[in-house]
Amino acid sequence: QHRTARPNQVPTLAMRGREGGCQCSCCLYAADWRGWKGGKRRVIGDCRHCDACLSSRTMTDVTTTELRRGWTTGACATAATKAALLRLWGGAFPREVGITLPKGETPVFPLALAESGDGWARVGITKDAGEDPDVTHGALIVVTVSASPGGVVFAAGDGVGIVTKPGLPIGVGEPAINPVPRALMTSVVQEMAVQLGHVPDVTIEVSVPGGQDLALKTWN
């Protein structure tokens, strides 16, 4: 049960959380955390909550401030693909590259790595996941492009897994690159092929240096 405030108690930060719009029972009624005998306390935003309150609240109730936006691994790989194609098909590496995402966002990514050789080009982009608790935040997402025998072919480089069991939307033996990033990268290949006058036959190898170690920190 939640403790209720007695008339002679001075409201604490927990009670004042009500002024910011928090409707948690702890913030509405609890006045003196020193005498609290209930569940473990947590701090979220400017308010304090117990496990009982958290279990009965929605995520929109809990969030008191907007988190800083970040970008997915797939978005970084798509941007790297676009920049690498510019070099592969006769241009120079850009300092930064912009893409359009399915919801209309147009992020711009600075290049952290740019290498090329005879018949290939490679670009790396450092992933910024924002304030999302993502183990790949800060990882270098690297894409190497080269000519393929036909169409867009995906390959797994260092740190990218291979699908070993059925049940995923990607077939067994394929690089573990999800359908949406595949579609984004394929769309970029087609767009750049039309823009630069090339046939869209490209092998896209995605790698994440240190990816094996990162994989130990996730259930994916």
C-alpha atoms as a PDB file:
ATOM      1  CA  GLN A   1       0.000   0.000   0.000  1.00  0.00           C
ATOM      2  CA  HIS A   2       1.100   3.577  -0.621  1.00  0.00           C
ATOM      3  CA  ARG A   3       1.644   5.811   2.374  1.00  0.00           C
ATOM      4  CA  THR A   4      -0.530   8.919   2.528  1.00  0.00           C
ATOM      5  CA  ALA A   5       0.737  12.329   3.565  1.00  0.00           C
ATOM      6  CA  ARG A   6      -0.094  13.510   7.047  1.00  0.00           C
ATOM      7  CA  PRO A   7      -1.086  17.168   7.524  1.00  0.00           C
ATOM      8  CA  ASN A   8       2.058  18.057   9.502  1.00  0.00           C
ATOM      9  CA  GLN A   9       4.473  16.614   6.929  1.00  0.00           C
ATOM     10  CA  VAL A  10       6.416  18.856   4.549  1.00  0.00           C
ATOM     11  CA  PRO A  11       5.917  17.884   0.882  1.00  0.00           C
ATOM     12  CA  THR A  12       9.069  16.444  -0.685  1.00  0.00           C
ATOM     13  CA  LEU A  13      10.290  16.406  -4.284  1.00  0.00           C
ATOM     14  CA  ALA A  14       8.098  13.343  -4.796  1.00  0.00           C
ATOM     15  CA  MET A  15       4.941  15.287  -3.982  1.00  0.00           C
ATOM     16  CA  ARG A  16       6.003  18.323  -5.972  1.00  0.00           C
ATOM     17  CA  GLY A  17       6.283  16.060  -9.021  1.00  0.00           C
ATOM     18  CA  ARG A  18       2.512  16.480  -9.282  1.00  0.00           C
ATOM     19  CA  GLU A  19       3.081  20.057 -10.459  1.00  0.00           C
ATOM     20  CA  GLY A  20       4.866  18.733 -13.531  1.00  0.00           C
ATOM     21  CA  GLY A  21       1.887  16.627 -14.529  1.00  0.00           C
ATOM     22  CA  CYS A  22       2.903  13.326 -12.901  1.00  0.00           C
ATOM     23  CA  GLN A  23      -0.111  11.351 -11.666  1.00  0.00           C
ATOM     24  CA  CYS A  24       1.838   8.540 -10.005  1.00  0.00           C
ATOM     25  CA  SER A  25       0.426   7.566  -6.600  1.00  0.00           C
ATOM     26  CA  CYS A  26       3.867   8.029  -5.053  1.00  0.00           C
ATOM     27  CA  CYS A  27       4.105  11.587  -6.316  1.00  0.00           C
ATOM     28  CA  LEU A  28       0.545  12.423  -5.308  1.00  0.00           C
ATOM     29  CA  TYR A  29       0.606  10.991  -1.812  1.00  0.00           C
ATOM     30  CA  ALA A  30       4.019   9.980  -0.527  1.00  0.00           C
ATOM     31  CA  ALA A  31       5.615  12.726   1.564  1.00  0.00           C
ATOM     32  CA  ASP A  32       8.449  11.196   3.517  1.00  0.00           C
ATOM     33  CA  TRP A  33      10.622   8.612   1.743  1.00  0.00           C
ATOM     34  CA  ARG A  34      12.716   8.037   4.862  1.00  0.00           C
ATOM     35  CA  GLY A  35       9.893   6.038   6.436  1.00  0.00           C
ATOM     36  CA  TRP A  36       9.004   4.157   3.261  1.00  0.00           C
ATOM     37  CA  LYS A  37       8.518   0.402   3.808  1.00  0.00           C
ATOM     38  CA  GLY A  38       7.343  -0.572   0.345  1.00  0.00           C
ATOM     39  CA  GLY A  39       9.026  -1.573  -2.905  1.00  0.00           C
ATOM     40  CA  LYS A  40      12.326  -0.444  -4.344  1.00  0.00           C
ATOM     41  CA  ARG A  41      12.387   3.270  -5.247  1.00  0.00           C
ATOM     42  CA  ARG A  42      13.444   4.528  -8.655  1.00  0.00           C
ATOM     43  CA  VAL A  43      14.060   8.002 -10.035  1.00  0.00           C
ATOM     44  CA  ILE A  44      12.482   8.924 -13.373  1.00  0.00           C
ATOM     45  CA  GLY A  45      12.794  12.477 -14.594  1.00  0.00           C
ATOM     46  CA  ASP A  46      12.150  14.751 -11.608  1.00  0.00           C
ATOM     47  CA  CYS A  47       9.880  12.316  -9.751  1.00  0.00           C
ATOM     48  CA  ARG A  48      10.425   9.247  -7.582  1.00  0.00           C
ATOM     49  CA  HIS A  49       8.376   6.090  -8.043  1.00  0.00           C
ATOM     50  CA  CYS A  50       8.096   2.653  -6.472  1.00  0.00           C
ATOM     51  CA  ASP A  51       7.769  -0.647  -8.374  1.00  0.00           C
ATOM     52  CA  ALA A  52       4.017  -0.784  -7.681  1.00  0.00           C
ATOM     53  CA  CYS A  53       3.458   2.532  -9.451  1.00  0.00           C
ATOM     54  CA  LEU A  54       5.693   1.647 -12.379  1.00  0.00           C
ATOM     55  CA  SER A  55       3.886  -1.646 -12.957  1.00  0.00           C
ATOM     56  CA  SER A  56       0.524   0.122 -13.304  1.00  0.00           C
ATOM     57  CA  ARG A  57       1.659   2.972 -15.588  1.00  0.00           C
ATOM     58  CA  THR A  58       2.097   3.187 -19.322  1.00  0.00           C
ATOM     59  CA  MET A  59       5.351   4.196 -20.999  1.00  0.00           C
ATOM     60  CA  THR A  60       3.853   7.571 -21.908  1.00  0.00           C
ATOM     61  CA  ASP A  61       3.052   8.140 -18.230  1.00  0.00           C
ATOM     62  CA  VAL A  62       6.616   7.330 -17.168  1.00  0.00           C
ATOM     63  CA  THR A  63       8.414   9.465 -19.727  1.00  0.00           C
ATOM     64  CA  THR A  64       8.727  13.035 -18.503  1.00  0.00           C
ATOM     65  CA  THR A  65      11.227  14.403 -21.042  1.00  0.00           C
ATOM     66  CA  GLU A  66      11.765  13.706 -24.724  1.00  0.00           C
ATOM     67  CA  LEU A  67      14.856  11.622 -25.445  1.00  0.00           C
ATOM     68  CA  ARG A  68      17.441  12.791 -27.956  1.00  0.00           C
ATOM     69  CA  ARG A  69      16.839  11.142 -31.319  1.00  0.00           C
ATOM     70  CA  GLY A  70      19.364   8.787 -32.850  1.00  0.00           C
ATOM     71  CA  TRP A  71      19.598   6.604 -35.940  1.00  0.00           C
ATOM     72  CA  THR A  72      19.467   2.886 -36.541  1.00  0.00           C
ATOM     73  CA  THR A  73      22.236   0.659 -37.817  1.00  0.00           C
ATOM     74  CA  GLY A  74      20.262   0.291 -41.051  1.00  0.00           C
ATOM     75  CA  ALA A  75      20.114   4.049 -41.564  1.00  0.00           C
ATOM     76  CA  CYS A  76      23.886   4.307 -41.073  1.00  0.00           C
ATOM     77  CA  ALA A  77      24.482   1.438 -43.502  1.00  0.00           C
ATOM     78  CA  THR A  78      22.205   3.049 -46.087  1.00  0.00           C
ATOM     79  CA  ALA A  79      24.068   6.350 -45.856  1.00  0.00           C
ATOM     80  CA  ALA A  80      27.400   4.536 -46.106  1.00  0.00           C
ATOM     81  CA  THR A  81      26.144   2.682 -49.187  1.00  0.00           C
ATOM     82  CA  LYS A  82      25.189   5.932 -50.902  1.00  0.00           C
ATOM     83  CA  ALA A  83      28.531   7.610 -50.180  1.00  0.00           C
ATOM     84  CA  ALA A  84      30.489   4.544 -51.299  1.00  0.00           C
ATOM     85  CA  LEU A  85      28.552   4.342 -54.568  1.00  0.00           C
ATOM     86  CA  LEU A  86      29.420   7.954 -55.336  1.00  0.00           C
ATOM     87  CA  ARG A  87      33.095   6.965 -55.221  1.00  0.00           C
ATOM     88  CA  LEU A  88      32.689   3.594 -56.945  1.00  0.00           C
ATOM     89  CA  TRP A  89      30.905   5.125 -59.887  1.00  0.00           C
ATOM     90  CA  GLY A  90      33.477   7.778 -60.613  1.00  0.00           C
ATOM     91  CA  GLY A  91      32.939  10.591 -58.154  1.00  0.00           C
ATOM     92  CA  ALA A  92      34.708  11.748 -55.025  1.00  0.00           C
ATOM     93  CA  PHE A  93      33.866  10.862 -51.473  1.00  0.00           C
ATOM     94  CA  PRO A  94      31.546  13.472 -49.931  1.00  0.00           C
ATOM     95  CA  ARG A  95      32.334  14.878 -46.488  1.00  0.00           C
ATOM     96  CA  GLU A  96      28.814  13.976 -45.390  1.00  0.00           C
ATOM     97  CA  VAL A  97      25.857  12.193 -46.928  1.00  0.00           C
ATOM     98  CA  GLY A  98      22.105  12.569 -46.529  1.00  0.00           C
ATOM     99  CA  ILE A  99      19.351  10.003 -47.010  1.00  0.00           C
ATOM    100  CA  THR A 100      15.552   9.907 -46.808  1.00  0.00           C
ATOM    101  CA  LEU A 101      13.999   7.429 -44.379  1.00  0.00           C
ATOM    102  CA  PRO A 102      10.562   5.758 -44.728  1.00  0.00           C
ATOM    103  CA  LYS A 103       8.879   8.281 -42.387  1.00  0.00           C
ATOM    104  CA  GLY A 104      10.300  11.237 -44.275  1.00  0.00           C
ATOM    105  CA  GLU A 105      13.244  12.076 -41.990  1.00  0.00           C
ATOM    106  CA  THR A 106      16.317  13.352 -43.823  1.00  0.00           C
ATOM    107  CA  PRO A 107      19.342  12.768 -41.563  1.00  0.00           C
ATOM    108  CA  VAL A 108      22.846  13.757 -42.646  1.00  0.00           C
ATOM    109  CA  PHE A 109      25.840  11.631 -41.612  1.00  0.00           C
ATOM    110  CA  PRO A 110      29.519  12.639 -41.582  1.00  0.00           C
ATOM    111  CA  LEU A 111      31.917  10.052 -42.968  1.00  0.00           C
ATOM    112  CA  ALA A 112      34.228   8.471 -40.400  1.00  0.00           C
ATOM    113  CA  LEU A 113      36.019   6.197 -42.902  1.00  0.00           C
ATOM    114  CA  ALA A 114      36.552   6.505 -46.660  1.00  0.00           C
ATOM    115  CA  GLU A 115      38.678   4.040 -48.645  1.00  0.00           C
ATOM    116  CA  SER A 116      38.682   2.856 -52.234  1.00  0.00           C
ATOM    117  CA  GLY A 117      40.606   0.668 -54.636  1.00  0.00           C
ATOM    118  CA  ASP A 118      40.286  -0.957 -58.032  1.00  0.00           C
ATOM    119  CA  GLY A 119      36.612  -1.883 -58.350  1.00  0.00           C
ATOM    120  CA  TRP A 120      35.554  -1.189 -54.761  1.00  0.00           C
ATOM    121  CA  ALA A 121      34.790   1.630 -52.346  1.00  0.00           C
ATOM    122  CA  ARG A 122      34.307   1.573 -48.585  1.00  0.00           C
ATOM    123  CA  VAL A 123      32.648   4.025 -46.198  1.00  0.00           C
ATOM    124  CA  GLY A 124      32.246   3.896 -42.436  1.00  0.00           C
ATOM    125  CA  ILE A 125      29.784   5.904 -40.357  1.00  0.00           C
ATOM    126  CA  THR A 126      29.848   6.111 -36.571  1.00  0.00           C
ATOM    127  CA  LYS A 127      26.433   5.212 -35.223  1.00  0.00           C
ATOM    128  CA  ASP A 128      24.728   7.737 -32.958  1.00  0.00           C
ATOM    129  CA  ALA A 129      21.803   5.968 -31.288  1.00  0.00           C
ATOM    130  CA  GLY A 130      20.796   9.077 -29.343  1.00  0.00           C
ATOM    131  CA  GLU A 131      19.619   8.328 -25.817  1.00  0.00           C
ATOM    132  CA  ASP A 132      18.264   4.925 -26.776  1.00  0.00           C
ATOM    133  CA  PRO A 133      20.043   2.197 -24.732  1.00  0.00           C
ATOM    134  CA  ASP A 134      21.588   0.552 -27.782  1.00  0.00           C
ATOM    135  CA  VAL A 135      24.783  -1.507 -27.427  1.00  0.00           C
ATOM    136  CA  THR A 136      25.802  -0.481 -30.957  1.00  0.00           C
ATOM    137  CA  HIS A 137      25.890   3.223 -30.025  1.00  0.00           C
ATOM    138  CA  GLY A 138      29.301   4.504 -31.121  1.00  0.00           C
ATOM    139  CA  ALA A 139      30.002   1.490 -33.334  1.00  0.00           C
ATOM    140  CA  LEU A 140      31.508   2.014 -36.777  1.00  0.00           C
ATOM    141  CA  ILE A 141      29.082   0.777 -39.449  1.00  0.00           C
ATOM    142  CA  VAL A 142      31.115  -0.038 -42.553  1.00  0.00           C
ATOM    143  CA  VAL A 143      29.848  -0.743 -46.061  1.00  0.00           C
ATOM    144  CA  THR A 144      31.998  -1.929 -48.964  1.00  0.00           C
ATOM    145  CA  VAL A 145      30.458  -1.825 -52.449  1.00  0.00           C
ATOM    146  CA  SER A 146      31.648  -3.552 -55.597  1.00  0.00           C
ATOM    147  CA  ALA A 147      30.170  -4.929 -58.826  1.00  0.00           C
ATOM    148  CA  SER A 148      27.917  -7.988 -58.534  1.00  0.00           C
ATOM    149  CA  PRO A 149      27.053 -10.684 -61.102  1.00  0.00           C
ATOM    150  CA  GLY A 150      23.556  -9.233 -61.233  1.00  0.00           C
ATOM    151  CA  GLY A 151      21.255  -7.168 -59.056  1.00  0.00           C
ATOM    152  CA  VAL A 152      21.837  -6.156 -55.463  1.00  0.00           C
ATOM    153  CA  VAL A 153      23.654  -8.815 -53.428  1.00  0.00           C
ATOM    154  CA  PHE A 154      24.181  -8.554 -49.676  1.00  0.00           C
ATOM    155  CA  ALA A 155      27.252  -9.960 -47.934  1.00  0.00           C
ATOM    156  CA  ALA A 156      28.242 -10.241 -44.285  1.00  0.00           C
ATOM    157  CA  GLY A 157      31.570  -8.727 -43.347  1.00  0.00           C
ATOM    158  CA  ASP A 158      33.388  -8.690 -40.034  1.00  0.00           C
ATOM    159  CA  GLY A 159      31.017  -8.545 -37.066  1.00  0.00           C
ATOM    160  CA  VAL A 160      27.808  -9.280 -39.013  1.00  0.00           C
ATOM    161  CA  GLY A 161      26.126 -12.620 -38.449  1.00  0.00           C
ATOM    162  CA  ILE A 162      24.641 -15.211 -40.787  1.00  0.00           C
ATOM    163  CA  VAL A 163      21.121 -16.590 -40.315  1.00  0.00           C
ATOM    164  CA  THR A 164      21.446 -20.222 -39.168  1.00  0.00           C
ATOM    165  CA  LYS A 165      17.856 -21.245 -38.353  1.00  0.00           C
ATOM    166  CA  PRO A 166      14.480 -20.779 -40.067  1.00  0.00           C
ATOM    167  CA  GLY A 167      11.805 -18.532 -38.614  1.00  0.00           C
ATOM    168  CA  LEU A 168      13.218 -15.127 -39.491  1.00  0.00           C
ATOM    169  CA  PRO A 169      12.142 -12.995 -42.467  1.00  0.00           C
ATOM    170  CA  ILE A 170      15.649 -13.566 -43.857  1.00  0.00           C
ATOM    171  CA  GLY A 171      16.521 -16.977 -45.282  1.00  0.00           C
ATOM    172  CA  VAL A 172      19.020 -19.393 -43.750  1.00  0.00           C
ATOM    173  CA  GLY A 173      22.536 -18.681 -44.998  1.00  0.00           C
ATOM    174  CA  GLU A 174      21.794 -15.012 -45.667  1.00  0.00           C
ATOM    175  CA  PRO A 175      23.543 -12.117 -43.891  1.00  0.00           C
ATOM    176  CA  ALA A 176      21.587 -11.053 -40.806  1.00  0.00           C
ATOM    177  CA  ILE A 177      20.426  -7.782 -42.326  1.00  0.00           C
ATOM    178  CA  ASN A 178      16.741  -7.080 -41.765  1.00  0.00           C
ATOM    179  CA  PRO A 179      14.221  -6.464 -44.579  1.00  0.00           C
ATOM    180  CA  VAL A 180      13.794  -2.705 -44.034  1.00  0.00           C
ATOM    181  CA  PRO A 181      17.540  -1.888 -44.200  1.00  0.00           C
ATOM    182  CA  ARG A 182      17.807  -4.166 -47.252  1.00  0.00           C
ATOM    183  CA  ALA A 183      14.998  -2.253 -48.928  1.00  0.00           C
ATOM    184  CA  LEU A 184      16.579   1.097 -48.046  1.00  0.00           C
ATOM    185  CA  MET A 185      19.984   0.116 -49.407  1.00  0.00           C
ATOM    186  CA  THR A 186      18.455  -1.399 -52.552  1.00  0.00           C
ATOM    187  CA  SER A 187      16.492   1.809 -53.137  1.00  0.00           C
ATOM    188  CA  VAL A 188      19.682   3.874 -52.788  1.00  0.00           C
ATOM    189  CA  VAL A 189      21.471   1.657 -55.330  1.00  0.00           C
ATOM    190  CA  GLN A 190      18.641   2.107 -57.823  1.00  0.00           C
ATOM    191  CA  GLU A 191      18.470   5.851 -57.197  1.00  0.00           C
ATOM    192  CA  MET A 192      22.210   6.342 -57.646  1.00  0.00           C
ATOM    193  CA  ALA A 193      22.310   4.095 -60.721  1.00  0.00           C
ATOM    194  CA  VAL A 194      19.732   6.276 -62.453  1.00  0.00           C
ATOM    195  CA  GLN A 195      21.423   9.482 -61.299  1.00  0.00           C
ATOM    196  CA  LEU A 196      24.930   8.440 -62.373  1.00  0.00           C
ATOM    197  CA  GLY A 197      24.052   6.312 -65.401  1.00  0.00           C
ATOM    198  CA  HIS A 198      25.111   2.870 -64.158  1.00  0.00           C
ATOM    199  CA  VAL A 199      23.542  -0.572 -64.011  1.00  0.00           C
ATOM    200  CA  PRO A 200      22.357  -1.345 -60.445  1.00  0.00           C
ATOM    201  CA  ASP A 201      24.420  -4.532 -60.083  1.00  0.00           C
ATOM    202  CA  VAL A 202      26.115  -4.081 -56.726  1.00  0.00           C
ATOM    203  CA  THR A 203      27.421  -6.241 -53.906  1.00  0.00           C
ATOM    204  CA  ILE A 204      26.901  -4.557 -50.527  1.00  0.00           C
ATOM    205  CA  GLU A 205      29.078  -5.946 -47.749  1.00  0.00           C
ATOM    206  CA  VAL A 206      28.162  -4.677 -44.300  1.00  0.00           C
ATOM    207  CA  SER A 207      30.587  -5.016 -41.410  1.00  0.00           C
ATOM    208  CA  VAL A 208      30.740  -3.823 -37.808  1.00  0.00           C
ATOM    209  CA  PRO A 209      34.276  -4.006 -36.379  1.00  0.00           C
ATOM    210  CA  GLY A 210      34.005  -5.508 -32.916  1.00  0.00           C
ATOM    211  CA  GLY A 211      30.530  -6.800 -33.650  1.00  0.00           C
ATOM    212  CA  GLN A 212      31.266 -10.203 -32.111  1.00  0.00           C
ATOM    213  CA  ASP A 213      31.921  -8.575 -28.750  1.00  0.00           C
ATOM    214  CA  LEU A 214      28.828  -6.365 -29.028  1.00  0.00           C
ATOM    215  CA  ALA A 215      26.708  -9.438 -29.752  1.00  0.00           C
ATOM    216  CA  LEU A 216      27.522 -10.803 -26.298  1.00  0.00           C
ATOM    217  CA  LYS A 217      25.665  -7.837 -24.778  1.00  0.00           C
ATOM    218  CA  THR A 218      22.350  -8.349 -26.567  1.00  0.00           C
ATOM    219  CA  TRP A 219      19.696 -11.044 -26.957  1.00  0.00           C
ATOM    220  CA  ASN A 220      19.545 -10.445 -30.720  1.00  0.00           C
END
